[in-house]
Amino acid sequence: MTVYPAIDLRSGRCVRLTQGRADQETRYSDDPVAVAAGFQREGAVWIHVVDLDGAFSGEPANLPIVGRIAALGLRVQFGGGLRSLESVERALGAGVSRVVLGTRAARSDGFIAELVASHGERIAVGIDAKDGRVAVRGWVDTTETSALELARRMDSLGVSTLIHTDIGTDGTLSGPNLKAQEAMLGTVSCRLIASGGIGSRDDVAALARLSLRGSLLEGVIVGKALYEGRVGLAELLAAAG
């Protein structure tokens, strides 16, 4: 598996939210580029970057910082506020390797199909689930669409990578929702990246064991556990490999 250290941007700073709540913010650094460089020194190849301002407003607000992270030589997977063709093109033009769409994916199969036709594997879809239902607009709204239903639709459109976040465990360090991740693995044939709840090396190892069952768990996103010093990136890379 690929380990994706997470950098969440808000007002130009590196922060983490607990379960996506804007009022539950912990600030970790005023220099996200330095944070990314630190992850790179520890062995990271990919970085998962979320523009929280963009997720809440509907338009990316931190692309200059994202471009500086990409300029380090890291591969950047980026989401947050990508709800138009123009915003996707701007993100790709900033050096992003893979863009992640969530809100727009839940609302427009045609838009995603168009992007896949144009950009192929550089298009990923984020499925953020609260009690099995898709949440959108920075997790502010929960829809009636099931996460598994949306995953099947995106898979059928040719989306090559899905990012499945379990909101209930996100930022809690309580361990991933293995049952939900396994259900997602059994639903789609495309690559899957798991997110939410990672607090230890054992959590990553547990997800790696899921991928040994013939399914395609491509990676895991880790944030708070790294920032809180619960585990080192080198340990997680070893567990994933």
Protein backbone atom coordinates (compact mmCIF):
# COMPACT_ATOMS: atom_id res chain seq x y z
CA MET A 1 0.00 0.00 0.00
CA THR A 2 0.95 3.61 -0.47
CA VAL A 3 0.91 5.73 2.68
CA TYR A 4 -0.42 9.24 2.01
CA PRO A 5 0.49 11.73 4.75
CA ALA A 6 -2.31 14.28 4.91
CA ILE A 7 -2.01 18.05 4.89
CA ASP A 8 -5.25 19.92 5.49
CA LEU A 9 -5.06 23.61 4.60
CA ARG A 10 -7.12 26.33 6.20
CA SER A 11 -6.24 30.01 5.86
CA GLY A 12 -2.82 28.96 4.60
CA ARG A 13 -2.02 26.88 7.68
CA CYS A 14 -1.71 23.16 8.32
CA VAL A 15 -4.60 22.06 10.55
CA ARG A 16 -6.72 19.02 11.40
CA LEU A 17 -10.44 18.88 12.04
CA THR A 18 -12.09 16.18 14.15
CA GLN A 19 -14.82 14.43 12.15
CA GLY A 20 -14.78 17.35 9.72
CA ARG A 21 -16.17 19.86 12.21
CA ALA A 22 -15.02 23.40 11.50
CA ASP A 23 -15.26 24.26 15.21
CA GLN A 24 -12.96 21.35 16.16
CA GLU A 25 -9.72 22.63 14.62
CA THR A 26 -6.19 21.95 15.82
CA ARG A 27 -3.46 24.04 14.22
CA TYR A 28 -0.15 22.28 13.67
CA SER A 29 1.96 24.55 11.49
CA ASP A 30 1.98 27.91 9.77
CA ASP A 31 4.28 26.47 7.08
CA PRO A 32 2.58 23.58 5.21
CA VAL A 33 5.42 23.43 2.67
CA ALA A 34 7.92 22.71 5.44
CA VAL A 35 5.59 20.00 6.77
CA ALA A 36 5.47 18.40 3.31
CA ALA A 37 9.26 18.58 3.02
CA GLY A 38 9.53 16.80 6.36
CA PHE A 39 7.29 13.99 5.15
CA GLN A 40 9.40 13.77 2.00
CA ARG A 41 12.59 13.36 4.04
CA GLU A 42 10.93 10.51 5.94
CA GLY A 43 10.19 8.65 2.72
CA ALA A 44 6.84 9.93 1.45
CA VAL A 45 6.32 9.88 -2.31
CA TRP A 46 2.70 11.06 -2.29
CA ILE A 47 1.02 13.75 -0.19
CA HIS A 48 -2.74 14.03 0.24
CA VAL A 49 -3.71 17.72 0.42
CA VAL A 50 -7.19 19.01 1.26
CA ASP A 51 -8.19 22.64 0.83
CA LEU A 52 -10.67 23.04 3.68
CA ASP A 53 -11.46 26.61 2.68
CA GLY A 54 -12.34 25.31 -0.77
CA ALA A 55 -14.41 22.46 0.61
CA PHE A 56 -16.57 24.87 2.59
CA SER A 57 -16.76 27.65 -0.03
CA GLY A 58 -16.86 25.64 -3.26
CA GLU A 59 -13.70 27.12 -4.80
CA PRO A 60 -10.03 26.26 -4.05
CA ALA A 61 -8.33 28.95 -2.00
CA ASN A 62 -4.85 27.55 -1.35
CA LEU A 63 -3.53 26.53 -4.77
CA PRO A 64 -0.33 28.64 -4.53
CA ILE A 65 0.69 26.60 -1.47
CA VAL A 66 -0.27 23.37 -3.23
CA GLY A 67 1.93 24.36 -6.16
CA ARG A 68 4.89 24.92 -3.84
CA ILE A 69 4.38 21.46 -2.30
CA ALA A 70 4.30 19.88 -5.76
CA ALA A 71 7.48 21.78 -6.68
CA LEU A 72 9.33 19.80 -3.98
CA GLY A 73 9.07 16.78 -6.26
CA LEU A 74 6.26 15.15 -4.30
CA ARG A 75 3.23 13.70 -6.07
CA VAL A 76 0.20 15.59 -4.79
CA GLN A 77 -3.31 14.20 -4.50
CA PHE A 78 -5.53 17.24 -4.02
CA GLY A 79 -9.16 17.93 -3.22
CA GLY A 80 -11.40 20.60 -1.76
CA GLY A 81 -13.69 22.87 -3.74
CA LEU A 82 -13.13 21.25 -7.14
CA ARG A 83 -16.64 21.65 -8.52
CA SER A 84 -16.01 23.06 -12.00
CA LEU A 85 -13.90 22.20 -15.03
CA GLU A 86 -11.99 25.45 -14.55
CA SER A 87 -11.03 24.63 -10.96
CA VAL A 88 -9.88 21.14 -11.94
CA GLU A 89 -7.75 22.55 -14.74
CA ARG A 90 -6.22 25.13 -12.40
CA ALA A 91 -5.31 22.44 -9.89
CA LEU A 92 -3.71 20.25 -12.53
CA GLY A 93 -1.88 23.27 -13.88
CA ALA A 94 -0.48 23.95 -10.41
CA GLY A 95 1.36 20.63 -10.54
CA VAL A 96 -1.17 18.34 -8.88
CA SER A 97 -0.79 14.71 -9.95
CA ARG A 98 -4.31 13.60 -9.05
CA VAL A 99 -7.42 15.63 -8.27
CA VAL A 100 -10.17 14.42 -5.94
CA LEU A 101 -13.80 15.35 -6.51
CA GLY A 102 -16.49 14.70 -3.93
CA THR A 103 -19.47 17.03 -3.89
CA ARG A 104 -19.72 17.30 -7.67
CA ALA A 105 -19.29 13.53 -8.08
CA ALA A 106 -22.29 12.91 -5.84
CA ARG A 107 -24.41 15.21 -8.01
CA SER A 108 -23.28 14.72 -11.61
CA ASP A 109 -22.23 11.45 -13.18
CA GLY A 110 -21.91 13.22 -16.53
CA PHE A 111 -19.37 15.71 -15.23
CA ILE A 112 -17.19 12.93 -13.81
CA ALA A 113 -17.46 10.91 -17.04
CA GLU A 114 -16.28 13.98 -18.98
CA LEU A 115 -13.29 14.45 -16.68
CA VAL A 116 -12.32 10.78 -16.87
CA ALA A 117 -12.46 10.93 -20.65
CA SER A 118 -10.16 13.98 -20.62
CA HIS A 119 -7.76 13.18 -17.80
CA GLY A 120 -7.97 9.45 -17.13
CA GLU A 121 -6.19 8.28 -13.99
CA ARG A 122 -5.58 11.82 -12.79
CA ILE A 123 -9.23 11.91 -11.70
CA ALA A 124 -10.19 10.39 -8.35
CA VAL A 125 -13.47 10.51 -6.47
CA GLY A 126 -13.70 11.01 -2.72
CA ILE A 127 -16.58 9.23 -1.01
CA ASP A 128 -17.00 10.61 2.50
CA ALA A 129 -19.47 8.51 4.47
CA LYS A 130 -21.39 9.25 7.62
CA ASP A 131 -23.24 6.17 8.86
CA GLY A 132 -22.97 4.76 5.35
CA ARG A 133 -24.43 7.86 3.64
CA VAL A 134 -22.51 10.28 1.43
CA ALA A 135 -21.64 13.65 2.97
CA VAL A 136 -20.88 16.67 0.77
CA ARG A 137 -19.86 20.35 0.94
CA GLY A 138 -17.06 19.77 3.43
CA TRP A 139 -19.21 17.21 5.26
CA VAL A 140 -21.76 19.90 6.11
CA ASP A 141 -24.62 18.08 4.33
CA THR A 142 -25.45 14.38 4.40
CA THR A 143 -27.31 13.01 1.39
CA GLU A 144 -29.65 10.03 1.05
CA THR A 145 -27.19 8.33 -1.30
CA SER A 146 -25.37 5.32 0.14
CA ALA A 147 -21.59 5.28 -0.11
CA LEU A 148 -21.66 1.86 -1.78
CA GLU A 149 -24.19 3.02 -4.38
CA LEU A 150 -22.05 6.04 -5.31
CA ALA A 151 -18.97 3.82 -5.45
CA ARG A 152 -20.65 1.46 -7.91
CA ARG A 153 -21.65 4.38 -10.11
CA MET A 154 -18.18 5.89 -10.14
CA ASP A 155 -16.59 2.52 -10.83
CA SER A 156 -18.91 2.01 -13.80
CA LEU A 157 -17.86 5.41 -15.19
CA GLY A 158 -14.23 4.33 -15.31
CA VAL A 159 -12.96 6.22 -12.26
CA SER A 160 -9.66 4.52 -11.46
CA THR A 161 -9.27 5.59 -7.81
CA LEU A 162 -11.78 6.03 -4.99
CA ILE A 163 -10.95 7.54 -1.61
CA HIS A 164 -13.29 6.25 1.07
CA THR A 165 -13.35 8.25 4.30
CA ASP A 166 -15.32 7.07 7.31
CA ILE A 167 -16.32 10.34 8.99
CA GLY A 168 -17.21 8.68 12.27
CA THR A 169 -13.59 7.67 12.88
CA ASP A 170 -11.83 10.57 11.16
CA GLY A 171 -9.46 12.40 13.50
CA THR A 172 -10.29 10.13 16.45
CA LEU A 173 -7.19 7.87 16.36
CA SER A 174 -9.55 5.05 17.33
CA GLY A 175 -8.72 2.76 14.41
CA PRO A 176 -10.23 2.44 10.94
CA ASN A 177 -13.73 1.17 10.25
CA LEU A 178 -12.51 -2.12 8.82
CA LYS A 179 -16.01 -3.42 8.19
CA ALA A 180 -16.90 -0.38 6.07
CA GLN A 181 -13.61 -0.46 4.17
CA GLU A 182 -13.98 -4.18 3.48
CA ALA A 183 -17.54 -3.65 2.21
CA MET A 184 -16.24 -0.99 -0.15
CA LEU A 185 -13.47 -3.30 -1.37
CA GLY A 186 -16.07 -5.92 -2.18
CA THR A 187 -18.16 -3.44 -4.15
CA VAL A 188 -15.73 -1.96 -6.69
CA SER A 189 -13.01 -3.15 -9.04
CA CYS A 190 -11.05 0.12 -9.11
CA ARG A 191 -8.29 1.13 -6.70
CA LEU A 192 -9.35 2.11 -3.20
CA ILE A 193 -7.64 4.40 -0.70
CA ALA A 194 -8.84 4.16 2.91
CA SER A 195 -9.07 7.14 5.24
CA GLY A 196 -10.27 7.72 8.78
CA GLY A 197 -9.21 6.67 12.25
CA ILE A 198 -5.58 5.62 11.71
CA GLY A 199 -3.80 5.84 15.05
CA SER A 200 -1.04 3.26 14.96
CA ARG A 201 1.16 0.94 12.93
CA ASP A 202 -1.26 -1.89 13.76
CA ASP A 203 -4.11 0.01 12.09
CA VAL A 204 -2.15 0.25 8.84
CA ALA A 205 -1.16 -3.41 9.10
CA ALA A 206 -4.84 -4.35 9.53
CA LEU A 207 -5.75 -2.50 6.34
CA ALA A 208 -2.82 -4.12 4.54
CA ARG A 209 -4.20 -7.52 5.50
CA LEU A 210 -7.50 -6.59 3.86
CA SER A 211 -5.62 -5.96 0.61
CA LEU A 212 -4.13 -9.45 0.74
CA ARG A 213 -7.54 -10.99 0.08
CA GLY A 214 -7.32 -10.35 -3.64
CA SER A 215 -8.89 -6.90 -3.52
CA LEU A 216 -7.27 -3.62 -4.47
CA LEU A 217 -6.59 -1.50 -1.40
CA GLU A 218 -4.12 0.87 -2.99
CA GLY A 219 -3.34 3.09 -0.06
CA VAL A 220 -4.14 4.67 3.28
CA ILE A 221 -4.31 8.34 4.31
CA VAL A 222 -2.82 9.24 7.68
CA GLY A 223 -2.97 12.61 9.38
CA LYS A 224 -3.46 13.19 13.08
CA ALA A 225 -1.43 10.17 14.22
CA LEU A 226 1.64 11.68 12.54
CA TYR A 227 1.05 15.18 13.87
CA GLU A 228 0.44 13.98 17.42
CA GLY A 229 3.56 11.80 17.37
CA ARG A 230 1.61 8.58 17.91
CA VAL A 231 3.61 6.86 15.19
CA GLY A 232 6.39 7.70 12.75
CA LEU A 233 5.96 7.72 9.00
CA ALA A 234 8.81 5.21 8.60
CA GLU A 235 6.91 2.74 10.82
CA LEU A 236 3.78 3.13 8.72
CA LEU A 237 5.69 2.70 5.48
CA ALA A 238 7.13 -0.55 6.85
CA ALA A 239 3.69 -1.79 7.93
CA ALA A 240 2.21 -0.95 4.55
CA GLY A 241 5.01 -2.62 2.64
